[in-house]
Amino acid sequence: MRATYSDAVEMAADMGFRMYMQDYFARPGAEERYLGLMLENVDVDLIGVGPGS
């Protein structure tokens, strides 16, 4: 499981995303925008990766 998570983190980094919370990834500068949209209940496209997604 750890290897899979590590692979996902590496793949996200390769695509320009960085981890900014325990399990949230965003491109630099977009972290606050996403959280703001979630607080306003705005529909956004998301991708879930992992056993609990």
PDB file of N, CA and C in Angstrom:
ATOM      1  N   MET A   1       0.822  -1.193   0.000  1.00  0.00           N
ATOM      2  CA  MET A   1       0.000   0.000   0.000  1.00  0.00           C
ATOM      3  C   MET A   1       0.866   1.257   0.000  1.00  0.00           C
ATOM      4  N   ARG A   2       1.915   1.288   0.798  1.00  0.00           N
ATOM      5  CA  ARG A   2       2.775   2.470   0.833  1.00  0.00           C
ATOM      6  C   ARG A   2       3.395   2.759  -0.529  1.00  0.00           C
ATOM      7  N   ALA A   3       3.826   1.706  -1.208  1.00  0.00           N
ATOM      8  CA  ALA A   3       4.430   1.904  -2.524  1.00  0.00           C
ATOM      9  C   ALA A   3       3.422   2.506  -3.480  1.00  0.00           C
ATOM     10  N   THR A   4       2.184   2.056  -3.422  1.00  0.00           N
ATOM     11  CA  THR A   4       1.146   2.595  -4.292  1.00  0.00           C
ATOM     12  C   THR A   4       0.903   4.069  -4.001  1.00  0.00           C
ATOM     13  N   TYR A   5       0.828   4.426  -2.716  1.00  0.00           N
ATOM     14  CA  TYR A   5       0.633   5.826  -2.338  1.00  0.00           C
ATOM     15  C   TYR A   5       1.818   6.671  -2.779  1.00  0.00           C
ATOM     16  N   SER A   6       3.006   6.167  -2.549  1.00  0.00           N
ATOM     17  CA  SER A   6       4.208   6.880  -2.978  1.00  0.00           C
ATOM     18  C   SER A   6       4.220   7.070  -4.487  1.00  0.00           C
ATOM     19  N   ASP A   7       3.793   6.052  -5.220  1.00  0.00           N
ATOM     20  CA  ASP A   7       3.712   6.164  -6.678  1.00  0.00           C
ATOM     21  C   ASP A   7       2.712   7.242  -7.081  1.00  0.00           C
ATOM     22  N   ALA A   8       1.578   7.303  -6.388  1.00  0.00           N
ATOM     23  CA  ALA A   8       0.561   8.313  -6.699  1.00  0.00           C
ATOM     24  C   ALA A   8       1.087   9.714  -6.427  1.00  0.00           C
ATOM     25  N   VAL A   9       1.794   9.886  -5.309  1.00  0.00           N
ATOM     26  CA  VAL A   9       2.383  11.194  -4.984  1.00  0.00           C
ATOM     27  C   VAL A   9       3.390  11.591  -6.051  1.00  0.00           C
ATOM     28  N   GLU A  10       4.211  10.646  -6.479  1.00  0.00           N
ATOM     29  CA  GLU A  10       5.216  10.923  -7.507  1.00  0.00           C
ATOM     30  C   GLU A  10       4.561  11.265  -8.841  1.00  0.00           C
ATOM     31  N   MET A  11       3.521  10.514  -9.207  1.00  0.00           N
ATOM     32  CA  MET A  11       2.820  10.796 -10.466  1.00  0.00           C
ATOM     33  C   MET A  11       2.170  12.175 -10.427  1.00  0.00           C
ATOM     34  N   ALA A  12       1.574  12.532  -9.303  1.00  0.00           N
ATOM     35  CA  ALA A  12       0.960  13.850  -9.171  1.00  0.00           C
ATOM     36  C   ALA A  12       2.014  14.945  -9.323  1.00  0.00           C
ATOM     37  N   ALA A  13       3.165  14.750  -8.699  1.00  0.00           N
ATOM     38  CA  ALA A  13       4.252  15.730  -8.803  1.00  0.00           C
ATOM     39  C   ALA A  13       4.732  15.855 -10.246  1.00  0.00           C
ATOM     40  N   ASP A  14       4.808  14.734 -10.939  1.00  0.00           N
ATOM     41  CA  ASP A  14       5.227  14.761 -12.341  1.00  0.00           C
ATOM     42  C   ASP A  14       4.247  15.545 -13.210  1.00  0.00           C
ATOM     43  N   MET A  15       2.974  15.600 -12.789  1.00  0.00           N
ATOM     44  CA  MET A  15       1.956  16.327 -13.546  1.00  0.00           C
ATOM     45  C   MET A  15       1.793  17.761 -13.059  1.00  0.00           C
ATOM     46  N   GLY A  16       2.644  18.190 -12.126  1.00  0.00           N
ATOM     47  CA  GLY A  16       2.612  19.572 -11.656  1.00  0.00           C
ATOM     48  C   GLY A  16       1.767  19.806 -10.417  1.00  0.00           C
ATOM     49  N   PHE A  17       1.310  18.723  -9.780  1.00  0.00           N
ATOM     50  CA  PHE A  17       0.520  18.856  -8.562  1.00  0.00           C
ATOM     51  C   PHE A  17       1.412  18.642  -7.351  1.00  0.00           C
ATOM     52  N   ARG A  18       1.051  19.299  -6.260  1.00  0.00           N
ATOM     53  CA  ARG A  18       1.773  19.054  -5.012  1.00  0.00           C
ATOM     54  C   ARG A  18       0.759  18.796  -3.895  1.00  0.00           C
ATOM     55  N   MET A  19       1.188  18.062  -2.908  1.00  0.00           N
ATOM     56  CA  MET A  19       0.321  17.738  -1.789  1.00  0.00           C
ATOM     57  C   MET A  19       0.300  18.923  -0.841  1.00  0.00           C
ATOM     58  N   TYR A  20      -0.903  19.382  -0.456  1.00  0.00           N
ATOM     59  CA  TYR A  20      -0.980  20.501   0.465  1.00  0.00           C
ATOM     60  C   TYR A  20      -1.762  20.167   1.726  1.00  0.00           C
ATOM     61  N   MET A  21      -2.359  19.028   1.782  1.00  0.00           N
ATOM     62  CA  MET A  21      -2.954  18.494   3.004  1.00  0.00           C
ATOM     63  C   MET A  21      -2.602  17.013   2.994  1.00  0.00           C
ATOM     64  N   GLN A  22      -3.067  16.285   3.963  1.00  0.00           N
ATOM     65  CA  GLN A  22      -2.698  14.874   4.044  1.00  0.00           C
ATOM     66  C   GLN A  22      -3.050  14.123   2.767  1.00  0.00           C
ATOM     67  N   ASP A  23      -4.153  14.463   2.143  1.00  0.00           N
ATOM     68  CA  ASP A  23      -4.582  13.710   0.968  1.00  0.00           C
ATOM     69  C   ASP A  23      -5.146  14.598  -0.138  1.00  0.00           C
ATOM     70  N   TYR A  24      -4.765  15.850  -0.171  1.00  0.00           N
ATOM     71  CA  TYR A  24      -5.220  16.783  -1.199  1.00  0.00           C
ATOM     72  C   TYR A  24      -4.033  17.193  -2.055  1.00  0.00           C
ATOM     73  N   PHE A  25      -4.260  17.268  -3.343  1.00  0.00           N
ATOM     74  CA  PHE A  25      -3.231  17.697  -4.274  1.00  0.00           C
ATOM     75  C   PHE A  25      -3.784  18.822  -5.134  1.00  0.00           C
ATOM     76  N   ALA A  26      -2.949  19.770  -5.468  1.00  0.00           N
ATOM     77  CA  ALA A  26      -3.351  20.861  -6.356  1.00  0.00           C
ATOM     78  C   ALA A  26      -2.101  21.434  -7.006  1.00  0.00           C
ATOM     79  N   ARG A  27      -2.320  22.119  -8.100  1.00  0.00           N
ATOM     80  CA  ARG A  27      -1.202  22.850  -8.693  1.00  0.00           C
ATOM     81  C   ARG A  27      -0.907  24.053  -7.815  1.00  0.00           C
ATOM     82  N   PRO A  28       0.340  24.484  -7.767  1.00  0.00           N
ATOM     83  CA  PRO A  28       0.697  25.624  -6.923  1.00  0.00           C
ATOM     84  C   PRO A  28      -0.196  26.833  -7.216  1.00  0.00           C
ATOM     85  N   GLY A  29      -0.741  27.408  -6.158  1.00  0.00           N
ATOM     86  CA  GLY A  29      -1.616  28.562  -6.272  1.00  0.00           C
ATOM     87  C   GLY A  29      -3.091  28.219  -6.332  1.00  0.00           C
ATOM     88  N   ALA A  30      -3.443  26.964  -6.567  1.00  0.00           N
ATOM     89  CA  ALA A  30      -4.851  26.579  -6.700  1.00  0.00           C
ATOM     90  C   ALA A  30      -5.427  26.007  -5.409  1.00  0.00           C
ATOM     91  N   GLU A  31      -4.625  25.858  -4.382  1.00  0.00           N
ATOM     92  CA  GLU A  31      -5.097  25.229  -3.151  1.00  0.00           C
ATOM     93  C   GLU A  31      -6.251  26.012  -2.528  1.00  0.00           C
ATOM     94  N   GLU A  32      -6.094  27.307  -2.384  1.00  0.00           N
ATOM     95  CA  GLU A  32      -7.116  28.124  -1.749  1.00  0.00           C
ATOM     96  C   GLU A  32      -8.373  28.194  -2.604  1.00  0.00           C
ATOM     97  N   ARG A  33      -8.213  28.207  -3.905  1.00  0.00           N
ATOM     98  CA  ARG A  33      -9.362  28.260  -4.807  1.00  0.00           C
ATOM     99  C   ARG A  33     -10.249  27.033  -4.629  1.00  0.00           C
ATOM    100  N   TYR A  34      -9.647  25.869  -4.574  1.00  0.00           N
ATOM    101  CA  TYR A  34     -10.397  24.631  -4.402  1.00  0.00           C
ATOM    102  C   TYR A  34     -11.141  24.629  -3.070  1.00  0.00           C
ATOM    103  N   LEU A  35     -10.451  24.967  -1.994  1.00  0.00           N
ATOM    104  CA  LEU A  35     -11.090  24.963  -0.683  1.00  0.00           C
ATOM    105  C   LEU A  35     -12.230  25.972  -0.632  1.00  0.00           C
ATOM    106  N   GLY A  36     -12.056  27.121  -1.264  1.00  0.00           N
ATOM    107  CA  GLY A  36     -13.123  28.126  -1.322  1.00  0.00           C
ATOM    108  C   GLY A  36     -14.342  27.608  -2.059  1.00  0.00           C
ATOM    109  N   LEU A  37     -14.117  26.921  -3.175  1.00  0.00           N
ATOM    110  CA  LEU A  37     -15.234  26.351  -3.925  1.00  0.00           C
ATOM    111  C   LEU A  37     -15.965  25.297  -3.107  1.00  0.00           C
ATOM    112  N   MET A  38     -15.222  24.499  -2.368  1.00  0.00           N
ATOM    113  CA  MET A  38     -15.846  23.466  -1.547  1.00  0.00           C
ATOM    114  C   MET A  38     -16.696  24.097  -0.444  1.00  0.00           C
ATOM    115  N   LEU A  39     -16.196  25.168   0.162  1.00  0.00           N
ATOM    116  CA  LEU A  39     -16.946  25.835   1.223  1.00  0.00           C
ATOM    117  C   LEU A  39     -18.213  26.490   0.682  1.00  0.00           C
ATOM    118  N   GLU A  40     -18.198  26.897  -0.582  1.00  0.00           N
ATOM    119  CA  GLU A  40     -19.360  27.519  -1.206  1.00  0.00           C
ATOM    120  C   GLU A  40     -20.282  26.492  -1.854  1.00  0.00           C
ATOM    121  N   ASN A  41     -19.967  25.208  -1.732  1.00  0.00           N
ATOM    122  CA  ASN A  41     -20.747  24.123  -2.336  1.00  0.00           C
ATOM    123  C   ASN A  41     -20.877  24.264  -3.849  1.00  0.00           C
ATOM    124  N   VAL A  42     -19.810  24.656  -4.509  1.00  0.00           N
ATOM    125  CA  VAL A  42     -19.775  24.758  -5.962  1.00  0.00           C
ATOM    126  C   VAL A  42     -19.358  23.409  -6.523  1.00  0.00           C
ATOM    127  N   ASP A  43     -20.045  22.945  -7.555  1.00  0.00           N
ATOM    128  CA  ASP A  43     -19.670  21.678  -8.182  1.00  0.00           C
ATOM    129  C   ASP A  43     -18.356  21.836  -8.939  1.00  0.00           C
ATOM    130  N   VAL A  44     -17.422  20.943  -8.665  1.00  0.00           N
ATOM    131  CA  VAL A  44     -16.140  20.936  -9.365  1.00  0.00           C
ATOM    132  C   VAL A  44     -15.822  19.503  -9.782  1.00  0.00           C
ATOM    133  N   ASP A  45     -15.071  19.360 -10.846  1.00  0.00           N
ATOM    134  CA  ASP A  45     -14.633  18.037 -11.292  1.00  0.00           C
ATOM    135  C   ASP A  45     -13.451  17.597 -10.436  1.00  0.00           C
ATOM    136  N   LEU A  46     -13.524  16.372  -9.944  1.00  0.00           N
ATOM    137  CA  LEU A  46     -12.488  15.823  -9.080  1.00  0.00           C
ATOM    138  C   LEU A  46     -12.093  14.446  -9.569  1.00  0.00           C
ATOM    139  N   ILE A  47     -10.945  14.001  -9.133  1.00  0.00           N
ATOM    140  CA  ILE A  47     -10.527  12.626  -9.388  1.00  0.00           C
ATOM    141  C   ILE A  47     -10.137  12.016  -8.045  1.00  0.00           C
ATOM    142  N   GLY A  48     -10.616  10.828  -7.792  1.00  0.00           N
ATOM    143  CA  GLY A  48     -10.278  10.114  -6.576  1.00  0.00           C
ATOM    144  C   GLY A  48      -9.355   8.948  -6.903  1.00  0.00           C
ATOM    145  N   VAL A  49      -8.308   8.784  -6.104  1.00  0.00           N
ATOM    146  CA  VAL A  49      -7.354   7.709  -6.311  1.00  0.00           C
ATOM    147  C   VAL A  49      -7.140   7.008  -4.990  1.00  0.00           C
ATOM    148  N   GLY A  50      -7.201   5.704  -4.988  1.00  0.00           N
ATOM    149  CA  GLY A  50      -6.899   4.956  -3.782  1.00  0.00           C
ATOM    150  C   GLY A  50      -8.052   4.078  -3.345  1.00  0.00           C
ATOM    151  N   PRO A  51      -7.813   3.286  -2.304  1.00  0.00           N
ATOM    152  CA  PRO A  51      -8.802   2.309  -1.875  1.00  0.00           C
ATOM    153  C   PRO A  51     -10.092   2.927  -1.340  1.00  0.00           C
ATOM    154  N   GLY A  52     -10.043   4.094  -0.779  1.00  0.00           N
ATOM    155  CA  GLY A  52     -11.244   4.709  -0.213  1.00  0.00           C
ATOM    156  C   GLY A  52     -11.922   5.685  -1.146  1.00  0.00           C
ATOM    157  N   SER A  53     -11.466   5.764  -2.375  1.00  0.00           N
ATOM    158  CA  SER A  53     -12.044   6.769  -3.264  1.00  0.00           C
ATOM    159  C   SER A  53     -13.201   6.251  -4.068  1.00  0.00           C
TER     160      SER A  53
END
